[in-house]
C-alpha cells in the first residue's frame, strides 16, 4: 500500500498528513524502512 515497512513504531498527525516511524525490515534481500508520510487529501504515501 506504500509503506516502506509493515512494522510501525510511532504515528504523528498533522491537519493534512500522518507521519509514521517504521522499522527497517528485510524484504526479499532489501532493507526498507524510514519515515512514511500519508497525504490525507490525495491518499498518497511518500517515504
ModelCIF file with pLDDT and N, C-alpha, C, O atoms, coordinates in Angstrom:
data_MODEL
#
_entry.id   MODEL 
#
_entity.id                         1 
_entity.type                       polymer 
_entity.pdbx_number_of_molecules   1 
#
_entity_poly.entity_id                      1 
_entity_poly.type                           'polypeptide(L)' 
_entity_poly.nstd_linkage                   no 
_entity_poly.nstd_monomer                   no 
_entity_poly.pdbx_seq_one_letter_code       
;(UNK)(UNK)(UNK)(UNK)(UNK)(UNK)(UNK)(UNK)(UNK)(UNK)(UNK)(UNK)(UNK)(UNK)(UNK)(UNK)
(UNK)(UNK)(UNK)(UNK)(UNK)(UNK)(UNK)(UNK)(UNK)(UNK)(UNK)(UNK)(UNK)(UNK)(UNK)(UNK)
(UNK)(UNK)(UNK)(UNK)(UNK)(UNK)(UNK)(UNK)(UNK)(UNK)(UNK)(UNK)(UNK)(UNK)(UNK)
;
_entity_poly.pdbx_seq_one_letter_code_can   XXXXXXXXXXXXXXXXXXXXXXXXXXXXXXXXXXXXXXXXXXXXXXX 
_entity_poly.pdbx_strand_id                 A 
#
loop_
_entity_poly_seq.entity_id 
_entity_poly_seq.num 
_entity_poly_seq.mon_id 
_entity_poly_seq.hetero 
1 1  UNK n 
1 2  UNK n 
1 3  UNK n 
1 4  UNK n 
1 5  UNK n 
1 6  UNK n 
1 7  UNK n 
1 8  UNK n 
1 9  UNK n 
1 10 UNK n 
1 11 UNK n 
1 12 UNK n 
1 13 UNK n 
1 14 UNK n 
1 15 UNK n 
1 16 UNK n 
1 17 UNK n 
1 18 UNK n 
1 19 UNK n 
1 20 UNK n 
1 21 UNK n 
1 22 UNK n 
1 23 UNK n 
1 24 UNK n 
1 25 UNK n 
1 26 UNK n 
1 27 UNK n 
1 28 UNK n 
1 29 UNK n 
1 30 UNK n 
1 31 UNK n 
1 32 UNK n 
1 33 UNK n 
1 34 UNK n 
1 35 UNK n 
1 36 UNK n 
1 37 UNK n 
1 38 UNK n 
1 39 UNK n 
1 40 UNK n 
1 41 UNK n 
1 42 UNK n 
1 43 UNK n 
1 44 UNK n 
1 45 UNK n 
1 46 UNK n 
1 47 UNK n 
#
_struct_asym.id          A 
_struct_asym.entity_id   1 
#
loop_
_ma_qa_metric.id 
_ma_qa_metric.mode 
_ma_qa_metric.name 
_ma_qa_metric.software_group_id 
_ma_qa_metric.type 
1 global pLDDT . pLDDT 
2 local  pLDDT . pLDDT 
#
_ma_qa_metric_global.metric_id      1 
_ma_qa_metric_global.metric_value   90.62 
_ma_qa_metric_global.model_id       1 
_ma_qa_metric_global.ordinal_id     1 
#
loop_
_ma_qa_metric_local.label_asym_id 
_ma_qa_metric_local.label_comp_id 
_ma_qa_metric_local.label_seq_id 
_ma_qa_metric_local.metric_id 
_ma_qa_metric_local.metric_value 
_ma_qa_metric_local.model_id 
_ma_qa_metric_local.ordinal_id 
A UNK 1  2 77.00 1 1  
A UNK 2  2 80.00 1 2  
A UNK 3  2 81.00 1 3  
A UNK 4  2 87.00 1 4  
A UNK 5  2 87.00 1 5  
A UNK 6  2 88.00 1 6  
A UNK 7  2 90.00 1 7  
A UNK 8  2 93.00 1 8  
A UNK 9  2 94.00 1 9  
A UNK 10 2 94.00 1 10 
A UNK 11 2 95.00 1 11 
A UNK 12 2 96.00 1 12 
A UNK 13 2 94.00 1 13 
A UNK 14 2 92.00 1 14 
A UNK 15 2 91.00 1 15 
A UNK 16 2 92.00 1 16 
A UNK 17 2 94.00 1 17 
A UNK 18 2 96.00 1 18 
A UNK 19 2 95.00 1 19 
A UNK 20 2 95.00 1 20 
A UNK 21 2 95.00 1 21 
A UNK 22 2 94.00 1 22 
A UNK 23 2 91.00 1 23 
A UNK 24 2 90.00 1 24 
A UNK 25 2 90.00 1 25 
A UNK 26 2 88.00 1 26 
A UNK 27 2 86.00 1 27 
A UNK 28 2 86.00 1 28 
A UNK 29 2 88.00 1 29 
A UNK 30 2 85.00 1 30 
A UNK 31 2 87.00 1 31 
A UNK 32 2 87.00 1 32 
A UNK 33 2 91.00 1 33 
A UNK 34 2 93.00 1 34 
A UNK 35 2 94.00 1 35 
A UNK 36 2 93.00 1 36 
A UNK 37 2 94.00 1 37 
A UNK 38 2 93.00 1 38 
A UNK 39 2 93.00 1 39 
A UNK 40 2 91.00 1 40 
A UNK 41 2 91.00 1 41 
A UNK 42 2 90.00 1 42 
A UNK 43 2 89.00 1 43 
A UNK 44 2 91.00 1 44 
A UNK 45 2 93.00 1 45 
A UNK 46 2 92.00 1 46 
A UNK 47 2 93.00 1 47 
#
loop_
_atom_site.group_PDB 
_atom_site.id 
_atom_site.type_symbol 
_atom_site.label_atom_id 
_atom_site.label_alt_id 
_atom_site.label_comp_id 
_atom_site.label_asym_id 
_atom_site.label_entity_id 
_atom_site.label_seq_id 
_atom_site.pdbx_PDB_ins_code 
_atom_site.Cartn_x 
_atom_site.Cartn_y 
_atom_site.Cartn_z 
_atom_site.occupancy 
_atom_site.B_iso_or_equiv 
_atom_site.pdbx_formal_charge 
_atom_site.auth_seq_id 
_atom_site.auth_comp_id 
_atom_site.auth_asym_id 
_atom_site.auth_atom_id 
_atom_site.pdbx_PDB_model_num 
ATOM 1   N N  . UNK A 1 1  ? 0.806  -1.223  0.000  1.00 77.00 ? 1  UNK A N  1 
ATOM 2   C CA . UNK A 1 1  ? 0.000  0.000   0.000  1.00 77.00 ? 1  UNK A CA 1 
ATOM 3   C C  . UNK A 1 1  ? 0.836  1.269   0.000  1.00 77.00 ? 1  UNK A C  1 
ATOM 4   O O  . UNK A 1 1  ? 0.276  2.364   -0.047 1.00 77.00 ? 1  UNK A O  1 
ATOM 5   N N  . UNK A 1 2  ? 2.175  1.157   0.052  1.00 80.00 ? 2  UNK A N  1 
ATOM 6   C CA . UNK A 1 2  ? 3.023  2.335   0.001  1.00 80.00 ? 2  UNK A CA 1 
ATOM 7   C C  . UNK A 1 2  ? 3.896  2.560   1.212  1.00 80.00 ? 2  UNK A C  1 
ATOM 8   O O  . UNK A 1 2  ? 4.783  3.412   1.175  1.00 80.00 ? 2  UNK A O  1 
ATOM 9   N N  . UNK A 1 3  ? 3.673  1.818   2.291  1.00 81.00 ? 3  UNK A N  1 
ATOM 10  C CA . UNK A 1 3  ? 4.543  1.940   3.454  1.00 81.00 ? 3  UNK A CA 1 
ATOM 11  C C  . UNK A 1 3  ? 5.902  1.313   3.147  1.00 81.00 ? 3  UNK A C  1 
ATOM 12  O O  . UNK A 1 3  ? 5.960  0.300   2.450  1.00 81.00 ? 3  UNK A O  1 
ATOM 13  N N  . UNK A 1 4  ? 6.995  1.890   3.650  1.00 87.00 ? 4  UNK A N  1 
ATOM 14  C CA . UNK A 1 4  ? 8.287  1.257   3.412  1.00 87.00 ? 4  UNK A CA 1 
ATOM 15  C C  . UNK A 1 4  ? 8.458  -0.033  4.208  1.00 87.00 ? 4  UNK A C  1 
ATOM 16  O O  . UNK A 1 4  ? 9.229  -0.911  3.821  1.00 87.00 ? 4  UNK A O  1 
ATOM 17  N N  . UNK A 1 5  ? 7.729  -0.142  5.330  1.00 87.00 ? 5  UNK A N  1 
ATOM 18  C CA . UNK A 1 5  ? 7.828  -1.310  6.204  1.00 87.00 ? 5  UNK A CA 1 
ATOM 19  C C  . UNK A 1 5  ? 6.486  -1.528  6.885  1.00 87.00 ? 5  UNK A C  1 
ATOM 20  O O  . UNK A 1 5  ? 5.740  -0.579  7.127  1.00 87.00 ? 5  UNK A O  1 
ATOM 21  N N  . UNK A 1 6  ? 6.185  -2.781  7.191  1.00 88.00 ? 6  UNK A N  1 
ATOM 22  C CA . UNK A 1 6  ? 4.937  -3.100  7.891  1.00 88.00 ? 6  UNK A CA 1 
ATOM 23  C C  . UNK A 1 6  ? 5.055  -2.941  9.401  1.00 88.00 ? 6  UNK A C  1 
ATOM 24  O O  . UNK A 1 6  ? 4.056  -3.059  10.111 1.00 88.00 ? 6  UNK A O  1 
ATOM 25  N N  . UNK A 1 7  ? 6.273  -2.673  9.912  1.00 90.00 ? 7  UNK A N  1 
ATOM 26  C CA . UNK A 1 7  ? 6.489  -2.527  11.350 1.00 90.00 ? 7  UNK A CA 1 
ATOM 27  C C  . UNK A 1 7  ? 6.523  -1.038  11.682 1.00 90.00 ? 7  UNK A C  1 
ATOM 28  O O  . UNK A 1 7  ? 7.474  -0.335  11.341 1.00 90.00 ? 7  UNK A O  1 
ATOM 29  N N  . UNK A 1 8  ? 5.473  -0.569  12.352 1.00 93.00 ? 8  UNK A N  1 
ATOM 30  C CA . UNK A 1 8  ? 5.329  0.852   12.681 1.00 93.00 ? 8  UNK A CA 1 
ATOM 31  C C  . UNK A 1 8  ? 5.503  1.028   14.186 1.00 93.00 ? 8  UNK A C  1 
ATOM 32  O O  . UNK A 1 8  ? 4.839  0.358   14.976 1.00 93.00 ? 8  UNK A O  1 
ATOM 33  N N  . UNK A 1 9  ? 6.416  1.949   14.584 1.00 94.00 ? 9  UNK A N  1 
ATOM 34  C CA . UNK A 1 9  ? 6.680  2.195   15.999 1.00 94.00 ? 9  UNK A CA 1 
ATOM 35  C C  . UNK A 1 9  ? 6.122  3.522   16.488 1.00 94.00 ? 9  UNK A C  1 
ATOM 36  O O  . UNK A 1 9  ? 6.059  3.749   17.696 1.00 94.00 ? 9  UNK A O  1 
ATOM 37  N N  . UNK A 1 10 ? 5.717  4.404   15.582 1.00 94.00 ? 10 UNK A N  1 
ATOM 38  C CA . UNK A 1 10 ? 5.190  5.686   16.015 1.00 94.00 ? 10 UNK A CA 1 
ATOM 39  C C  . UNK A 1 10 ? 4.348  6.342   14.945 1.00 94.00 ? 10 UNK A C  1 
ATOM 40  O O  . UNK A 1 10 ? 4.573  6.154   13.750 1.00 94.00 ? 10 UNK A O  1 
ATOM 41  N N  . UNK A 1 11 ? 3.355  7.131   15.401 1.00 95.00 ? 11 UNK A N  1 
ATOM 42  C CA . UNK A 1 11 ? 2.461  7.853   14.494 1.00 95.00 ? 11 UNK A CA 1 
ATOM 43  C C  . UNK A 1 11 ? 2.284  9.260   15.032 1.00 95.00 ? 11 UNK A C  1 
ATOM 44  O O  . UNK A 1 11 ? 2.085  9.454   16.231 1.00 95.00 ? 11 UNK A O  1 
ATOM 45  N N  . UNK A 1 12 ? 2.356  10.256  14.132 1.00 96.00 ? 12 UNK A N  1 
ATOM 46  C CA . UNK A 1 12 ? 2.109  11.651  14.497 1.00 96.00 ? 12 UNK A CA 1 
ATOM 47  C C  . UNK A 1 12 ? 1.242  12.276  13.415 1.00 96.00 ? 12 UNK A C  1 
ATOM 48  O O  . UNK A 1 12 ? 1.473  12.066  12.224 1.00 96.00 ? 12 UNK A O  1 
ATOM 49  N N  . UNK A 1 13 ? 0.246  13.043  13.832 1.00 94.00 ? 13 UNK A N  1 
ATOM 50  C CA . UNK A 1 13 ? -0.707 13.615  12.882 1.00 94.00 ? 13 UNK A CA 1 
ATOM 51  C C  . UNK A 1 13 ? -0.526 15.117  12.732 1.00 94.00 ? 13 UNK A C  1 
ATOM 52  O O  . UNK A 1 13 ? -0.219 15.826  13.690 1.00 94.00 ? 13 UNK A O  1 
ATOM 53  N N  . UNK A 1 14 ? -0.723 15.576  11.518 1.00 92.00 ? 14 UNK A N  1 
ATOM 54  C CA . UNK A 1 14 ? -0.846 16.989  11.175 1.00 92.00 ? 14 UNK A CA 1 
ATOM 55  C C  . UNK A 1 14 ? -2.238 17.150  10.566 1.00 92.00 ? 14 UNK A C  1 
ATOM 56  O O  . UNK A 1 14 ? -2.905 16.150  10.305 1.00 92.00 ? 14 UNK A O  1 
ATOM 57  N N  . UNK A 1 15 ? -2.691 18.377  10.335 1.00 91.00 ? 15 UNK A N  1 
ATOM 58  C CA . UNK A 1 15 ? -4.019 18.530  9.739  1.00 91.00 ? 15 UNK A CA 1 
ATOM 59  C C  . UNK A 1 15 ? -4.180 17.861  8.375  1.00 91.00 ? 15 UNK A C  1 
ATOM 60  O O  . UNK A 1 15 ? -5.259 17.360  8.059  1.00 91.00 ? 15 UNK A O  1 
ATOM 61  N N  . UNK A 1 16 ? -3.117 17.848  7.563  1.00 92.00 ? 16 UNK A N  1 
ATOM 62  C CA . UNK A 1 16 ? -3.230 17.317  6.208  1.00 92.00 ? 16 UNK A CA 1 
ATOM 63  C C  . UNK A 1 16 ? -2.449 16.024  5.966  1.00 92.00 ? 16 UNK A C  1 
ATOM 64  O O  . UNK A 1 16 ? -2.454 15.498  4.853  1.00 92.00 ? 16 UNK A O  1 
ATOM 65  N N  . UNK A 1 17 ? -1.780 15.512  6.997  1.00 94.00 ? 17 UNK A N  1 
ATOM 66  C CA . UNK A 1 17 ? -0.941 14.330  6.788  1.00 94.00 ? 17 UNK A CA 1 
ATOM 67  C C  . UNK A 1 17 ? -0.753 13.561  8.090  1.00 94.00 ? 17 UNK A C  1 
ATOM 68  O O  . UNK A 1 17 ? -0.986 14.069  9.187  1.00 94.00 ? 17 UNK A O  1 
ATOM 69  N N  . UNK A 1 18 ? -0.322 12.317  7.920  1.00 96.00 ? 18 UNK A N  1 
ATOM 70  C CA . UNK A 1 18 ? 0.049  11.470  9.043  1.00 96.00 ? 18 UNK A CA 1 
ATOM 71  C C  . UNK A 1 18 ? 1.458  10.974  8.769  1.00 96.00 ? 18 UNK A C  1 
ATOM 72  O O  . UNK A 1 18 ? 1.771  10.536  7.661  1.00 96.00 ? 18 UNK A O  1 
ATOM 73  N N  . UNK A 1 19 ? 2.312  11.047  9.796  1.00 95.00 ? 19 UNK A N  1 
ATOM 74  C CA . UNK A 1 19 ? 3.688  10.570  9.699  1.00 95.00 ? 19 UNK A CA 1 
ATOM 75  C C  . UNK A 1 19 ? 3.834  9.279   10.494 1.00 95.00 ? 19 UNK A C  1 
ATOM 76  O O  . UNK A 1 19 ? 3.294  9.159   11.594 1.00 95.00 ? 19 UNK A O  1 
ATOM 77  N N  . UNK A 1 20 ? 4.566  8.309   9.938  1.00 95.00 ? 20 UNK A N  1 
ATOM 78  C CA . UNK A 1 20 ? 4.820  7.046   10.626 1.00 95.00 ? 20 UNK A CA 1 
ATOM 79  C C  . UNK A 1 20 ? 6.320  6.799   10.724 1.00 95.00 ? 20 UNK A C  1 
ATOM 80  O O  . UNK A 1 20 ? 7.062  7.017   9.766  1.00 95.00 ? 20 UNK A O  1 
ATOM 81  N N  . UNK A 1 21 ? 6.748  6.347   11.882 1.00 95.00 ? 21 UNK A N  1 
ATOM 82  C CA . UNK A 1 21 ? 8.135  5.924   12.095 1.00 95.00 ? 21 UNK A CA 1 
ATOM 83  C C  . UNK A 1 21 ? 8.155  4.410   11.932 1.00 95.00 ? 21 UNK A C  1 
ATOM 84  O O  . UNK A 1 21 ? 7.540  3.690   12.718 1.00 95.00 ? 21 UNK A O  1 
ATOM 85  N N  . UNK A 1 22 ? 8.857  3.928   10.916 1.00 94.00 ? 22 UNK A N  1 
ATOM 86  C CA . UNK A 1 22 ? 8.855  2.495   10.637 1.00 94.00 ? 22 UNK A CA 1 
ATOM 87  C C  . UNK A 1 22 ? 10.230 1.882   10.901 1.00 94.00 ? 22 UNK A C  1 
ATOM 88  O O  . UNK A 1 22 ? 11.266 2.540   10.797 1.00 94.00 ? 22 UNK A O  1 
ATOM 89  N N  . UNK A 1 23 ? 10.194 0.609   11.243 1.00 91.00 ? 23 UNK A N  1 
ATOM 90  C CA . UNK A 1 23 ? 11.419 -0.158  11.490 1.00 91.00 ? 23 UNK A CA 1 
ATOM 91  C C  . UNK A 1 23 ? 11.964 -0.671  10.171 1.00 91.00 ? 23 UNK A C  1 
ATOM 92  O O  . UNK A 1 23 ? 11.202 -1.073  9.292  1.00 91.00 ? 23 UNK A O  1 
ATOM 93  N N  . UNK A 1 24 ? 13.283 -0.658  10.033 1.00 90.00 ? 24 UNK A N  1 
ATOM 94  C CA . UNK A 1 24 ? 13.909 -1.229  8.843  1.00 90.00 ? 24 UNK A CA 1 
ATOM 95  C C  . UNK A 1 24 ? 13.752 -2.747  8.886  1.00 90.00 ? 24 UNK A C  1 
ATOM 96  O O  . UNK A 1 24 ? 14.163 -3.400  9.845  1.00 90.00 ? 24 UNK A O  1 
ATOM 97  N N  . UNK A 1 25 ? 13.149 -3.297  7.828  1.00 90.00 ? 25 UNK A N  1 
ATOM 98  C CA . UNK A 1 25 ? 12.876 -4.730  7.735  1.00 90.00 ? 25 UNK A CA 1 
ATOM 99  C C  . UNK A 1 25 ? 13.419 -5.237  6.401  1.00 90.00 ? 25 UNK A C  1 
ATOM 100 O O  . UNK A 1 25 ? 13.357 -4.537  5.390  1.00 90.00 ? 25 UNK A O  1 
ATOM 101 N N  . UNK A 1 26 ? 13.945 -6.446  6.408  1.00 88.00 ? 26 UNK A N  1 
ATOM 102 C CA . UNK A 1 26 ? 14.481 -7.053  5.204  1.00 88.00 ? 26 UNK A CA 1 
ATOM 103 C C  . UNK A 1 26 ? 13.346 -7.736  4.429  1.00 88.00 ? 26 UNK A C  1 
ATOM 104 O O  . UNK A 1 26 ? 12.768 -8.721  4.887  1.00 88.00 ? 26 UNK A O  1 
ATOM 105 N N  . UNK A 1 27 ? 13.045 -7.194  3.257  1.00 86.00 ? 27 UNK A N  1 
ATOM 106 C CA . UNK A 1 27 ? 12.038 -7.768  2.364  1.00 86.00 ? 27 UNK A CA 1 
ATOM 107 C C  . UNK A 1 27 ? 12.759 -8.328  1.147  1.00 86.00 ? 27 UNK A C  1 
ATOM 108 O O  . UNK A 1 27 ? 13.217 -7.574  0.288  1.00 86.00 ? 27 UNK A O  1 
ATOM 109 N N  . UNK A 1 28 ? 12.858 -9.649  1.073  1.00 86.00 ? 28 UNK A N  1 
ATOM 110 C CA . UNK A 1 28 ? 13.486 -10.322 -0.062 1.00 86.00 ? 28 UNK A CA 1 
ATOM 111 C C  . UNK A 1 28 ? 14.873 -9.772  -0.375 1.00 86.00 ? 28 UNK A C  1 
ATOM 112 O O  . UNK A 1 28 ? 15.200 -9.521  -1.535 1.00 86.00 ? 28 UNK A O  1 
ATOM 113 N N  . UNK A 1 29 ? 15.685 -9.587  0.659  1.00 88.00 ? 29 UNK A N  1 
ATOM 114 C CA . UNK A 1 29 ? 17.057 -9.129  0.472  1.00 88.00 ? 29 UNK A CA 1 
ATOM 115 C C  . UNK A 1 29 ? 17.240 -7.630  0.409  1.00 88.00 ? 29 UNK A C  1 
ATOM 116 O O  . UNK A 1 29 ? 18.362 -7.156  0.234  1.00 88.00 ? 29 UNK A O  1 
ATOM 117 N N  . UNK A 1 30 ? 16.173 -6.876  0.546  1.00 85.00 ? 30 UNK A N  1 
ATOM 118 C CA . UNK A 1 30 ? 16.271 -5.413  0.504  1.00 85.00 ? 30 UNK A CA 1 
ATOM 119 C C  . UNK A 1 30 ? 15.744 -4.827  1.819  1.00 85.00 ? 30 UNK A C  1 
ATOM 120 O O  . UNK A 1 30 ? 14.605 -5.084  2.208  1.00 85.00 ? 30 UNK A O  1 
ATOM 121 N N  . UNK A 1 31 ? 16.585 -4.037  2.500  1.00 87.00 ? 31 UNK A N  1 
ATOM 122 C CA . UNK A 1 31 ? 16.168 -3.402  3.753  1.00 87.00 ? 31 UNK A CA 1 
ATOM 123 C C  . UNK A 1 31 ? 15.338 -2.175  3.440  1.00 87.00 ? 31 UNK A C  1 
ATOM 124 O O  . UNK A 1 31 ? 15.758 -1.299  2.683  1.00 87.00 ? 31 UNK A O  1 
ATOM 125 N N  . UNK A 1 32 ? 14.139 -2.122  4.039  1.00 87.00 ? 32 UNK A N  1 
ATOM 126 C CA . UNK A 1 32 ? 13.242 -0.990  3.823  1.00 87.00 ? 32 UNK A CA 1 
ATOM 127 C C  . UNK A 1 32 ? 12.709 -0.496  5.161  1.00 87.00 ? 32 UNK A C  1 
ATOM 128 O O  . UNK A 1 32 ? 12.404 -1.290  6.052  1.00 87.00 ? 32 UNK A O  1 
ATOM 129 N N  . UNK A 1 33 ? 12.601 0.802   5.289  1.00 91.00 ? 33 UNK A N  1 
ATOM 130 C CA . UNK A 1 33 ? 12.080 1.443   6.491  1.00 91.00 ? 33 UNK A CA 1 
ATOM 131 C C  . UNK A 1 33 ? 12.195 2.942   6.322  1.00 91.00 ? 33 UNK A C  1 
ATOM 132 O O  . UNK A 1 33 ? 12.450 3.427   5.220  1.00 91.00 ? 33 UNK A O  1 
ATOM 133 N N  . UNK A 1 34 ? 12.007 3.683   7.411  1.00 93.00 ? 34 UNK A N  1 
ATOM 134 C CA . UNK A 1 34 ? 12.159 5.129   7.346  1.00 93.00 ? 34 UNK A CA 1 
ATOM 135 C C  . UNK A 1 34 ? 10.906 5.853   7.792  1.00 93.00 ? 34 UNK A C  1 
ATOM 136 O O  . UNK A 1 34 ? 10.057 5.301   8.491  1.00 93.00 ? 34 UNK A O  1 
ATOM 137 N N  . UNK A 1 35 ? 10.814 7.102   7.370  1.00 94.00 ? 35 UNK A N  1 
ATOM 138 C CA . UNK A 1 35 ? 9.695  7.978   7.728  1.00 94.00 ? 35 UNK A CA 1 
ATOM 139 C C  . UNK A 1 35 ? 8.690  7.995   6.584  1.00 94.00 ? 35 UNK A C  1 
ATOM 140 O O  . UNK A 1 35 ? 8.999  8.433   5.476  1.00 94.00 ? 35 UNK A O  1 
ATOM 141 N N  . UNK A 1 36 ? 7.499  7.520   6.865  1.00 93.00 ? 36 UNK A N  1 
ATOM 142 C CA . UNK A 1 36 ? 6.453  7.486   5.845  1.00 93.00 ? 36 UNK A CA 1 
ATOM 143 C C  . UNK A 1 36 ? 5.450  8.603   6.112  1.00 93.00 ? 36 UNK A C  1 
ATOM 144 O O  . UNK A 1 36 ? 5.037  8.813   7.252  1.00 93.00 ? 36 UNK A O  1 
ATOM 145 N N  . UNK A 1 37 ? 5.061  9.317   5.058  1.00 94.00 ? 37 UNK A N  1 
ATOM 146 C CA . UNK A 1 37 ? 4.071  10.390  5.162  1.00 94.00 ? 37 UNK A CA 1 
ATOM 147 C C  . UNK A 1 37 ? 2.873  10.030  4.296  1.00 94.00 ? 37 UNK A C  1 
ATOM 148 O O  . UNK A 1 37 ? 3.006  9.735   3.108  1.00 94.00 ? 37 UNK A O  1 
ATOM 149 N N  . UNK A 1 38 ? 1.701  10.064  4.921  1.00 93.00 ? 38 UNK A N  1 
ATOM 150 C CA . UNK A 1 38 ? 0.466  9.806   4.178  1.00 93.00 ? 38 UNK A CA 1 
ATOM 151 C C  . UNK A 1 38 ? -0.252 11.130  3.983  1.00 93.00 ? 38 UNK A C  1 
ATOM 152 O O  . UNK A 1 38 ? -0.690 11.752  4.951  1.00 93.00 ? 38 UNK A O  1 
ATOM 153 N N  . UNK A 1 39 ? -0.375 11.564  2.730  1.00 93.00 ? 39 UNK A N  1 
ATOM 154 C CA . UNK A 1 39 ? -1.110 12.772  2.373  1.00 93.00 ? 39 UNK A CA 1 
ATOM 155 C C  . UNK A 1 39 ? -2.593 12.415  2.397  1.00 93.00 ? 39 UNK A C  1 
ATOM 156 O O  . UNK A 1 39 ? -3.060 11.649  1.554  1.00 93.00 ? 39 UNK A O  1 
ATOM 157 N N  . UNK A 1 40 ? -3.324 12.958  3.343  1.00 91.00 ? 40 UNK A N  1 
ATOM 158 C CA . UNK A 1 40 ? -4.723 12.593  3.553  1.00 91.00 ? 40 UNK A CA 1 
ATOM 159 C C  . UNK A 1 40 ? -5.589 12.969  2.354  1.00 91.00 ? 40 UNK A C  1 
ATOM 160 O O  . UNK A 1 40 ? -6.416 12.169  1.918  1.00 91.00 ? 40 UNK A O  1 
ATOM 161 N N  . UNK A 1 41 ? -5.410 14.168  1.819  1.00 91.00 ? 41 UNK A N  1 
ATOM 162 C CA . UNK A 1 41 ? -6.247 14.631  0.714  1.00 91.00 ? 41 UNK A CA 1 
ATOM 163 C C  . UNK A 1 41 ? -6.076 13.796  -0.553 1.00 91.00 ? 41 UNK A C  1 
ATOM 164 O O  . UNK A 1 41 ? -7.052 13.483  -1.236 1.00 91.00 ? 41 UNK A O  1 
ATOM 165 N N  . UNK A 1 42 ? -4.826 13.436  -0.861 1.00 90.00 ? 42 UNK A N  1 
ATOM 166 C CA . UNK A 1 42 ? -4.552 12.703  -2.095 1.00 90.00 ? 42 UNK A CA 1 
ATOM 167 C C  . UNK A 1 42 ? -4.387 11.199  -1.887 1.00 90.00 ? 42 UNK A C  1 
ATOM 168 O O  . UNK A 1 42 ? -4.162 10.457  -2.844 1.00 90.00 ? 42 UNK A O  1 
ATOM 169 N N  . UNK A 1 43 ? -4.499 10.752  -0.636 1.00 89.00 ? 43 UNK A N  1 
ATOM 170 C CA . UNK A 1 43 ? -4.354 9.332   -0.295 1.00 89.00 ? 43 UNK A CA 1 
ATOM 171 C C  . UNK A 1 43 ? -3.083 8.755   -0.900 1.00 89.00 ? 43 UNK A C  1 
ATOM 172 O O  . UNK A 1 43 ? -3.092 7.671   -1.483 1.00 89.00 ? 43 UNK A O  1 
ATOM 173 N N  . UNK A 1 44 ? -1.970 9.511   -0.749 1.00 91.00 ? 44 UNK A N  1 
ATOM 174 C CA . UNK A 1 44 ? -0.698 9.089   -1.326 1.00 91.00 ? 44 UNK A CA 1 
ATOM 175 C C  . UNK A 1 44 ? 0.378  8.991   -0.248 1.00 91.00 ? 44 UNK A C  1 
ATOM 176 O O  . UNK A 1 44 ? 0.393  9.771   0.704  1.00 91.00 ? 44 UNK A O  1 
ATOM 177 N N  . UNK A 1 45 ? 1.277  8.020   -0.412 1.00 93.00 ? 45 UNK A N  1 
ATOM 178 C CA . UNK A 1 45 ? 2.386  7.813   0.513  1.00 93.00 ? 45 UNK A CA 1 
ATOM 179 C C  . UNK A 1 45 ? 3.680  8.326   -0.099 1.00 93.00 ? 45 UNK A C  1 
ATOM 180 O O  . UNK A 1 45 ? 3.918  8.150   -1.294 1.00 93.00 ? 45 UNK A O  1 
ATOM 181 N N  . UNK A 1 46 ? 4.514  8.958   0.715  1.00 92.00 ? 46 UNK A N  1 
ATOM 182 C CA . UNK A 1 46 ? 5.897  9.255   0.361  1.00 92.00 ? 46 UNK A CA 1 
ATOM 183 C C  . UNK A 1 46 ? 6.770  8.770   1.504  1.00 92.00 ? 46 UNK A C  1 
ATOM 184 O O  . UNK A 1 46 ? 6.328  8.700   2.651  1.00 92.00 ? 46 UNK A O  1 
ATOM 185 N N  . UNK A 1 47 ? 8.014  8.436   1.183  1.00 93.00 ? 47 UNK A N  1 
ATOM 186 C CA . UNK A 1 47 ? 8.936  7.927   2.198  1.00 93.00 ? 47 UNK A CA 1 
ATOM 187 C C  . UNK A 1 47 ? 10.209 8.744   2.193  1.00 93.00 ? 47 UNK A C  1 
ATOM 188 O O  . UNK A 1 47 ? 11.119 8.476   2.978  1.00 93.00 ? 47 UNK A O  1 
#
